[in-house]
Amino acid sequence: MASKTKVTRKYQVTIPKEVRKKVGVEVGDEFKVMDKGEAIVLEKISKPRNLLSFAGCWKEYPEDPEEFMKEIRKLWSTWKA
């Protein structure tokens, strides 16, 4: 699939809709940018998919593991499947 796009004054490039849909690009996604000779390659950085990847992201969690799990279960109860 080949599409055409332009570089703006701020060196921004729009990714065509067909490509965004095919690759699953969403607002806020991050990319690794590489050069391969005359080509510029954007590689989508995968979002974390497992619980361990979120380690350390909780700002203020309780010291007691049981209390922590109560808080987690409270959050889970609000999620919709």
Protein backbone atom coordinates (compact mmCIF):
# COMPACT_ATOMS: atom_id res chain seq x y z
CA MET A 1 0.00 0.00 0.00
CA ALA A 2 1.49 3.32 -1.05
CA SER A 3 0.14 6.71 0.02
CA LYS A 4 1.36 10.27 -0.36
CA THR A 5 1.82 12.81 2.44
CA LYS A 6 3.67 16.11 2.98
CA VAL A 7 6.05 17.45 5.60
CA THR A 8 4.67 20.58 7.30
CA ARG A 9 6.64 23.68 8.32
CA LYS A 10 7.11 22.07 11.74
CA TYR A 11 8.40 18.85 10.12
CA GLN A 12 5.23 16.95 11.00
CA VAL A 13 3.83 14.21 8.78
CA THR A 14 0.27 12.87 8.71
CA ILE A 15 -0.05 9.08 8.61
CA PRO A 16 -2.77 8.22 6.07
CA LYS A 17 -6.01 6.81 7.52
CA GLU A 18 -5.70 3.44 5.74
CA VAL A 19 -2.25 2.90 7.26
CA ARG A 20 -3.36 4.04 10.74
CA LYS A 21 -6.27 1.59 10.66
CA LYS A 22 -4.17 -1.31 9.37
CA VAL A 23 -1.43 -0.82 11.98
CA GLY A 24 -3.82 0.22 14.78
CA VAL A 25 -2.34 3.66 15.44
CA GLU A 26 -4.13 5.64 18.15
CA VAL A 27 -3.66 9.11 19.60
CA GLY A 28 -0.75 9.05 22.04
CA ASP A 29 1.02 6.04 20.50
CA GLU A 30 4.79 6.26 20.42
CA PHE A 31 7.12 5.32 17.57
CA LYS A 32 10.77 4.53 17.16
CA VAL A 33 12.17 6.55 14.21
CA MET A 34 15.01 5.04 12.17
CA ASP A 35 16.71 5.82 8.90
CA LYS A 36 17.44 3.08 6.36
CA GLY A 37 19.46 4.80 3.68
CA GLU A 38 17.05 7.22 1.97
CA ALA A 39 14.02 5.74 3.79
CA ILE A 40 12.57 6.85 7.14
CA VAL A 41 11.04 3.99 9.12
CA LEU A 42 8.50 4.44 11.93
CA GLU A 43 8.12 1.43 14.21
CA LYS A 44 5.17 1.46 16.60
CA ILE A 45 6.25 0.82 20.18
CA SER A 46 3.97 -1.79 21.70
CA LYS A 47 1.99 -0.87 24.79
CA PRO A 48 2.65 -2.98 27.88
CA ARG A 49 0.38 -6.02 27.95
CA ASN A 50 1.18 -7.70 31.27
CA LEU A 51 0.68 -6.67 34.88
CA LEU A 52 4.41 -6.68 35.65
CA SER A 53 4.98 -3.90 33.10
CA PHE A 54 2.95 -1.59 35.36
CA ALA A 55 5.23 -2.15 38.36
CA GLY A 56 6.01 1.12 40.10
CA CYS A 57 3.28 3.14 38.41
CA TRP A 58 1.06 3.32 41.51
CA LYS A 59 1.95 6.58 43.29
CA GLU A 60 0.81 5.87 46.83
CA TYR A 61 0.03 2.25 47.54
CA PRO A 62 -0.51 0.84 51.02
CA GLU A 63 2.44 -0.91 52.70
CA ASP A 64 0.23 -3.80 53.80
CA PRO A 65 -0.28 -6.27 50.88
CA GLU A 66 -3.80 -7.12 52.06
CA GLU A 67 -4.79 -3.45 52.08
CA PHE A 68 -3.26 -3.05 48.63
CA MET A 69 -5.29 -6.00 47.29
CA LYS A 70 -8.49 -4.54 48.77
CA GLU A 71 -7.82 -1.33 46.82
CA ILE A 72 -7.12 -3.30 43.62
CA ARG A 73 -10.32 -5.35 44.01
CA LYS A 74 -12.27 -2.12 44.53
CA LEU A 75 -10.93 -0.86 41.21
CA TRP A 76 -11.63 -4.17 39.44
CA SER A 77 -15.25 -4.06 40.56
CA THR A 78 -15.71 -0.83 38.58
CA TRP A 79 -14.37 -2.29 35.29
CA LYS A 80 -16.75 -3.39 32.55
CA ALA A 81 -15.97 -6.48 30.49
